[in-house]
Every structure is written in C-alpha cells, then in structure tokens.
Amino acid sequence: MEYYRTETLIDGLAFPEGPRWHDGFFWFTDQHARRVYRSDVNGNLEIITATDDLPGGLGWLPDGSLLVVYMTQRKVMRWDGNKLYEYADLSALASFHCNDMLADAHGRVYVGNFGFDLHAGARQSKAEIIMIDTDTSLHLFSDEVIFPNGCVLTTDLNTLVVAETFAHRLTAFVLDNKGMSVSSYVWAELADMTPDGICIDNKGLIWVASPGTNEVLLVQKGGDKVARCMTVGTPYACMLGGEDGQTLYVCTSETDDPGKAAQMKSGRIERVKVNQH
C-alpha cells in the first residue's frame, strides 16, 4: 500500500465538485456558489460562468462545447462561450436531483441522479442513469442503481463503471456499439466506503473519493486497494491531471450541507503527485 498526503492548491470555496482535466486546465463546479471554474497548475482561478441552478457534473461534446448539469432542474445545459442554453431536459426520467455526468468521445452523455431527497432524510430508493444520445434523444440506461455518482469509462472504452455511493460498490456496465448496457457486474465491493467522485488511471485502476471514510483510495478491479491518499478536508471527488496526468486533484469540504457549505466556504482543491501502477 502506498500512502499520499495532499497540499491545498485553492481554498475559500463553498462546495467544489465535478472535477475534470481538459485542455491543460483543471475544471470544476462550486455547487453552492453556483459557478463553473477552471484553474491553471498554479491555482489561478477563472470564472467560466455563473449558473442559475446548482451545477453538478461537467463534460464536453466533440465540438468542444462545455456541458453542465443543472441539478435541481434536472437538465443538462450547453455553454456557447457567452450563455448557457438547455441541451436536454431529464425531468421526465430522473426521479430526483441530477448529479454527476460523463460525456464520451462520440458525444453520448451519461447522467445519474440521487433517486431520493438525501438532505431531507427521505427513504433511500433506486435511481436512474440516463443516456443522452448524440441527437439529444433520452434513453433509460439503468434504473437499478443506488445513488449513482461518479462514473468513468474503462481504458478499452467498452465499459462504464459507476460509483454507487450508498451501495458501497463500483458497478460496471458493458456497453454495446450504441452506448447502451448489455450486462452489468460488480467491479469492486468497497465495504464501508462511500464512493463519490472517481477517476481512472492509464492502467485501469480507479481512484475513489470516499467522504464517509475520509480518504481517497486507489482500487483494482475486484476491490484490492493499492494506495491511500489522506486530505486536509473531507474528500468528495477526484481527478487525475497535470501535464503528465500524474497529479491527483481532490475536491474537499468540511460539510456537504447546502446551507452550511455556502456560509462556511471551507471548500478546497487539494492535490498530490502520485505514481502510475
């Protein structure tokens, strides 16, 4: 087991989420400040856009257009460089607030949702993953997942791995040539971990941010743990980036309570150099 400890790159945020590395910059949303940011490697922040809703996951279409999840409206918005426009309305299929998102190289987009009112203490129920096809048509990818959160494509691009936060596991969906699931299996059981945001390295191992156990772990298929990263704040999401792809960026905060997060501004972007396995 390898061990790492992060340093703080950016602080004073409300609740950073949805981290991505794109075009040489680190991108993320600050949910409870309702902003989309990008940062250079020195932590210099640029506001890309303010949002009219809580922003969730980020992604890009093949033409370079930025997509942003509008969580409570259950929509995906498209940024044209000046304004956000509706790209897809998922409210007819998503049972509660939308969350993270993955956009593939073909322009297909996968979006999860809570499935229940987490912050109101509602009874836990299964949720949906919705696939937005390249023509913006909506398809029910799965309705058998428990709080689908971060997701990644495996290195062969044939499998979508999804973090099921409250099922304490990573679940893999084998894809057909239209981007739909033909079968699924448990990629890793994670015991008491609560997998939130995830990212995959070039060897196919997955970094898992687990706020419930206050750690970020590197996990192999089957569940063996290879490395552990400790953070200053509670980790909610992670992304590999930097010029060589070996810097692990982690979104942290002292709370995920919407009201407290906006007031406390304890959110941080932390990072550490990691080895490839």
Protein backbone atom coordinates (compact mmCIF):
# COMPACT_ATOMS: atom_id res chain seq x y z
CA MET A 1 0.00 0.00 0.00
CA GLU A 2 1.32 3.41 -0.98
CA TYR A 3 0.41 6.48 1.06
CA TYR A 4 0.00 10.09 -0.03
CA ARG A 5 -0.99 13.35 1.60
CA THR A 6 -2.33 16.32 -0.31
CA GLU A 7 -1.49 20.01 -0.17
CA THR A 8 -4.02 22.79 -0.64
CA LEU A 9 -3.99 24.50 -4.03
CA ILE A 10 -7.18 26.61 -3.74
CA ASP A 11 -9.34 27.41 -0.71
CA GLY A 12 -12.31 29.61 0.17
CA LEU A 13 -14.77 27.66 -1.98
CA ALA A 14 -18.27 26.60 -0.94
CA PHE A 15 -18.53 23.02 -2.21
CA PRO A 16 -16.28 22.09 -5.15
CA GLU A 17 -17.41 19.14 -7.27
CA GLY A 18 -17.33 17.70 -10.79
CA PRO A 19 -13.53 17.92 -11.30
CA ARG A 20 -12.19 17.47 -14.82
CA TRP A 21 -8.85 17.93 -16.58
CA HIS A 22 -9.41 19.45 -20.03
CA ASP A 23 -7.21 21.37 -22.48
CA GLY A 24 -4.44 21.87 -19.94
CA PHE A 25 -6.68 23.24 -17.19
CA PHE A 26 -8.36 21.87 -14.08
CA TRP A 27 -12.13 22.49 -14.26
CA PHE A 28 -14.72 22.13 -11.52
CA THR A 29 -18.06 23.40 -10.28
CA ASP A 30 -18.63 25.20 -6.99
CA GLN A 31 -22.13 23.94 -6.33
CA HIS A 32 -23.37 26.21 -3.58
CA ALA A 33 -21.68 29.28 -5.08
CA ARG A 34 -23.31 28.39 -8.43
CA ARG A 35 -20.21 28.84 -10.55
CA VAL A 36 -18.07 26.91 -13.01
CA TYR A 37 -14.32 27.49 -12.69
CA ARG A 38 -11.10 26.49 -14.30
CA SER A 39 -7.62 26.78 -12.83
CA ASP A 40 -4.11 26.61 -14.17
CA VAL A 41 -1.48 24.49 -12.45
CA ASN A 42 -0.59 27.38 -10.13
CA GLY A 43 -4.11 27.73 -8.78
CA ASN A 44 -5.02 30.88 -10.70
CA LEU A 45 -8.83 30.78 -10.95
CA GLU A 46 -11.01 31.88 -13.84
CA ILE A 47 -14.80 32.02 -13.59
CA ILE A 48 -16.19 30.40 -16.73
CA THR A 49 -19.83 31.14 -15.95
CA ALA A 50 -22.30 31.65 -13.15
CA THR A 51 -25.28 29.27 -13.14
CA ASP A 52 -28.99 29.60 -12.39
CA ASP A 53 -29.07 26.28 -10.54
CA LEU A 54 -26.73 24.07 -8.53
CA PRO A 55 -24.11 22.93 -11.06
CA GLY A 56 -23.14 19.26 -10.96
CA GLY A 57 -21.01 17.29 -13.38
CA LEU A 58 -19.14 18.68 -16.38
CA GLY A 59 -18.39 17.28 -19.82
CA TRP A 60 -17.54 18.28 -23.38
CA LEU A 61 -19.09 17.44 -26.72
CA PRO A 62 -16.85 16.51 -29.66
CA ASP A 63 -17.13 20.08 -30.99
CA GLY A 64 -15.64 21.38 -27.73
CA SER A 65 -18.89 22.67 -26.23
CA LEU A 66 -18.98 22.57 -22.43
CA LEU A 67 -21.92 20.78 -20.80
CA VAL A 68 -23.05 21.48 -17.23
CA VAL A 69 -25.58 19.53 -15.16
CA TYR A 70 -28.32 21.66 -13.58
CA MET A 71 -29.06 19.53 -10.56
CA THR A 72 -32.46 20.58 -9.20
CA GLN A 73 -33.90 21.43 -12.63
CA ARG A 74 -32.73 18.01 -13.87
CA LYS A 75 -31.29 19.42 -17.05
CA VAL A 76 -28.03 19.43 -18.96
CA MET A 77 -27.01 22.86 -20.19
CA ARG A 78 -24.68 23.76 -23.05
CA TRP A 79 -22.28 26.70 -22.82
CA ASP A 80 -21.71 28.57 -26.09
CA GLY A 81 -18.98 30.80 -24.70
CA ASN A 82 -21.39 33.50 -23.61
CA LYS A 83 -24.54 31.88 -22.28
CA LEU A 84 -25.92 28.56 -21.05
CA TYR A 85 -28.68 27.00 -23.15
CA GLU A 86 -30.78 23.92 -22.46
CA TYR A 87 -29.26 20.85 -24.11
CA ALA A 88 -31.51 18.16 -22.60
CA ASP A 89 -34.35 18.07 -20.06
CA LEU A 90 -34.16 14.88 -17.98
CA SER A 91 -37.03 15.65 -15.60
CA ALA A 92 -39.36 13.06 -17.14
CA LEU A 93 -36.88 10.25 -16.39
CA ALA A 94 -34.78 11.41 -13.40
CA SER A 95 -36.57 10.69 -10.13
CA PHE A 96 -34.67 13.37 -8.17
CA HIS A 97 -31.82 15.85 -8.47
CA CYS A 98 -29.28 15.05 -11.16
CA ASN A 99 -25.66 14.76 -10.15
CA ASP A 100 -22.53 13.69 -11.98
CA MET A 101 -22.09 13.20 -15.71
CA LEU A 102 -19.77 11.59 -18.24
CA ALA A 103 -19.54 12.65 -21.88
CA ASP A 104 -17.78 10.19 -24.20
CA ALA A 105 -15.80 10.86 -27.37
CA HIS A 106 -18.85 10.17 -29.56
CA GLY A 107 -20.93 12.81 -27.80
CA ARG A 108 -23.02 10.42 -25.75
CA VAL A 109 -23.70 11.70 -22.24
CA TYR A 110 -24.47 9.66 -19.11
CA VAL A 111 -26.17 11.38 -16.17
CA GLY A 112 -27.06 9.96 -12.75
CA ASN A 113 -29.40 11.29 -10.07
CA PHE A 114 -29.98 10.98 -6.33
CA GLY A 115 -33.16 8.90 -6.55
CA PHE A 116 -34.45 10.42 -3.29
CA ASP A 117 -34.23 13.59 -1.21
CA LEU A 118 -30.93 12.94 0.56
CA HIS A 119 -30.77 16.13 2.63
CA ALA A 120 -34.39 15.81 3.84
CA GLY A 121 -33.72 12.33 5.19
CA ALA A 122 -36.10 10.63 2.74
CA ARG A 123 -36.16 6.86 2.44
CA GLN A 124 -33.42 5.56 0.17
CA SER A 125 -34.61 4.28 -3.20
CA LYS A 126 -33.11 3.20 -6.51
CA ALA A 127 -32.27 5.79 -9.13
CA GLU A 128 -31.72 6.08 -12.85
CA ILE A 129 -28.79 6.62 -15.16
CA ILE A 130 -29.94 8.39 -18.31
CA MET A 131 -28.07 8.34 -21.60
CA ILE A 132 -28.39 11.39 -23.85
CA ASP A 133 -27.61 10.25 -27.39
CA THR A 134 -25.85 12.37 -29.99
CA ASP A 135 -29.21 13.56 -31.35
CA THR A 136 -30.21 14.58 -27.76
CA SER A 137 -32.76 11.75 -27.52
CA LEU A 138 -33.05 10.30 -24.00
CA HIS A 139 -32.61 6.62 -23.12
CA LEU A 140 -33.01 4.86 -19.78
CA PHE A 141 -29.59 3.30 -19.29
CA SER A 142 -30.33 1.74 -15.87
CA ASP A 143 -32.93 2.08 -13.12
CA GLU A 144 -31.33 -0.41 -10.75
CA VAL A 145 -28.62 1.73 -9.17
CA ILE A 146 -28.41 3.17 -5.67
CA PHE A 147 -27.30 6.81 -5.67
CA PRO A 148 -25.20 6.70 -8.85
CA ASN A 149 -22.40 9.18 -8.54
CA GLY A 150 -19.04 9.46 -10.30
CA CYS A 151 -18.51 7.39 -13.44
CA VAL A 152 -15.63 6.53 -15.76
CA LEU A 153 -15.04 4.62 -18.97
CA THR A 154 -12.53 1.79 -18.80
CA THR A 155 -9.36 2.14 -20.85
CA ASP A 156 -10.79 -0.07 -23.64
CA LEU A 157 -13.85 2.26 -23.78
CA ASN A 158 -16.19 -0.74 -23.64
CA THR A 159 -17.38 -0.49 -20.04
CA LEU A 160 -18.90 2.27 -17.91
CA VAL A 161 -18.01 1.99 -14.21
CA VAL A 162 -20.33 3.81 -11.81
CA ALA A 163 -19.88 4.61 -8.12
CA GLU A 164 -23.00 3.56 -6.20
CA THR A 165 -22.44 5.63 -3.09
CA PHE A 166 -24.88 4.02 -0.66
CA ALA A 167 -24.45 0.50 -2.07
CA HIS A 168 -20.72 0.84 -1.21
CA ARG A 169 -19.55 -0.52 -4.55
CA LEU A 170 -18.39 0.22 -8.06
CA THR A 171 -20.64 -1.33 -10.70
CA ALA A 172 -19.58 -1.99 -14.30
CA PHE A 173 -21.90 -1.82 -17.31
CA VAL A 174 -20.71 -3.49 -20.51
CA LEU A 175 -21.66 -1.31 -23.49
CA ASP A 176 -22.92 -2.16 -26.96
CA ASN A 177 -21.97 -0.15 -30.05
CA LYS A 178 -24.82 2.28 -29.34
CA GLY A 179 -23.58 3.06 -25.84
CA MET A 180 -26.28 1.12 -24.01
CA SER A 181 -25.78 -1.54 -21.33
CA VAL A 182 -25.90 -5.20 -22.35
CA SER A 183 -24.83 -6.60 -18.96
CA SER A 184 -23.53 -5.47 -15.58
CA TYR A 185 -21.40 -6.80 -12.74
CA VAL A 186 -19.81 -5.61 -9.51
CA TRP A 187 -16.41 -4.14 -10.37
CA ALA A 188 -15.43 -3.74 -6.70
CA GLU A 189 -17.13 -4.17 -3.33
CA LEU A 190 -15.91 -1.37 -1.06
CA ALA A 191 -17.09 -2.41 2.43
CA ASP A 192 -17.74 0.74 4.50
CA MET A 193 -16.51 3.20 1.85
CA THR A 194 -18.99 5.65 0.33
CA PRO A 195 -17.70 6.09 -3.23
CA ASP A 196 -18.50 9.56 -4.53
CA GLY A 197 -16.36 11.01 -7.31
CA ILE A 198 -14.00 8.64 -9.12
CA CYS A 199 -11.32 8.80 -11.82
CA ILE A 200 -9.38 6.15 -13.73
CA ASP A 201 -5.64 5.98 -14.40
CA ASN A 202 -3.98 4.78 -17.59
CA LYS A 203 -3.56 1.27 -16.16
CA GLY A 204 -7.27 0.90 -15.49
CA LEU A 205 -7.15 1.35 -11.71
CA ILE A 206 -9.72 3.68 -10.16
CA TRP A 207 -9.20 6.42 -7.59
CA VAL A 208 -12.24 6.62 -5.31
CA ALA A 209 -13.12 9.61 -3.12
CA SER A 210 -14.90 8.32 -0.01
CA PRO A 211 -16.27 11.07 2.25
CA GLY A 212 -17.71 8.51 4.66
CA THR A 213 -14.26 7.14 5.49
CA ASN A 214 -12.42 10.43 4.84
CA GLU A 215 -9.93 9.08 2.30
CA VAL A 216 -9.20 8.64 -1.39
CA LEU A 217 -8.23 5.09 -2.32
CA LEU A 218 -6.77 3.57 -5.48
CA VAL A 219 -8.67 0.37 -6.18
CA GLN A 220 -8.09 -2.53 -8.56
CA LYS A 221 -10.85 -4.47 -10.27
CA GLY A 222 -12.05 -6.93 -7.62
CA GLY A 223 -11.58 -4.46 -4.78
CA ASP A 224 -7.91 -4.73 -3.77
CA LYS A 225 -6.61 -1.39 -2.50
CA VAL A 226 -3.27 -0.23 -3.86
CA ALA A 227 -2.83 3.29 -2.47
CA ARG A 228 -4.42 5.64 0.07
CA CYS A 229 -4.45 9.43 -0.06
CA MET A 230 -5.26 11.48 3.04
CA THR A 231 -6.63 15.00 2.61
CA VAL A 232 -6.99 18.19 4.63
CA GLY A 233 -10.77 18.34 4.20
CA THR A 234 -13.34 15.62 3.59
CA PRO A 235 -12.88 14.33 0.01
CA TYR A 236 -15.89 14.24 -2.31
CA ALA A 237 -14.40 13.94 -5.80
CA CYS A 238 -11.07 13.44 -7.53
CA MET A 239 -9.44 13.75 -10.94
CA LEU A 240 -6.03 12.99 -12.42
CA GLY A 241 -4.42 15.82 -14.34
CA GLY A 242 -1.33 17.89 -14.82
CA GLU A 243 0.98 17.80 -17.82
CA ASP A 244 1.84 14.13 -17.26
CA GLY A 245 -1.51 13.05 -15.83
CA GLN A 246 0.08 12.09 -12.52
CA THR A 247 -1.29 14.83 -10.27
CA LEU A 248 -4.30 13.76 -8.24
CA TYR A 249 -6.66 16.69 -7.67
CA VAL A 250 -9.22 16.30 -4.86
CA CYS A 251 -12.32 18.38 -4.14
CA THR A 252 -12.83 18.66 -0.38
CA SER A 253 -15.07 20.46 2.10
CA GLU A 254 -15.83 20.36 5.81
CA THR A 255 -19.54 19.80 5.11
CA ASP A 256 -21.92 18.78 2.34
CA ASP A 257 -24.88 20.53 3.98
CA PRO A 258 -26.04 23.10 1.38
CA GLY A 259 -26.68 25.95 3.82
CA LYS A 260 -23.57 25.40 5.90
CA ALA A 261 -21.32 24.95 2.87
CA ALA A 262 -22.34 28.31 1.42
CA GLN A 263 -21.66 30.06 4.73
CA MET A 264 -18.51 28.27 5.84
CA LYS A 265 -16.68 28.35 2.50
CA SER A 266 -14.46 25.52 3.69
CA GLY A 267 -14.14 24.01 0.21
CA ARG A 268 -10.68 23.31 -1.14
CA ILE A 269 -8.94 21.99 -4.20
CA GLU A 270 -6.11 19.80 -2.95
CA ARG A 271 -3.51 17.91 -4.93
CA VAL A 272 -0.62 15.48 -4.73
CA LYS A 273 1.75 13.84 -7.20
CA VAL A 274 1.05 10.09 -7.47
CA ASN A 275 2.74 7.12 -9.12
CA GLN A 276 1.28 5.21 -12.05
CA HIS A 277 0.91 1.47 -11.44
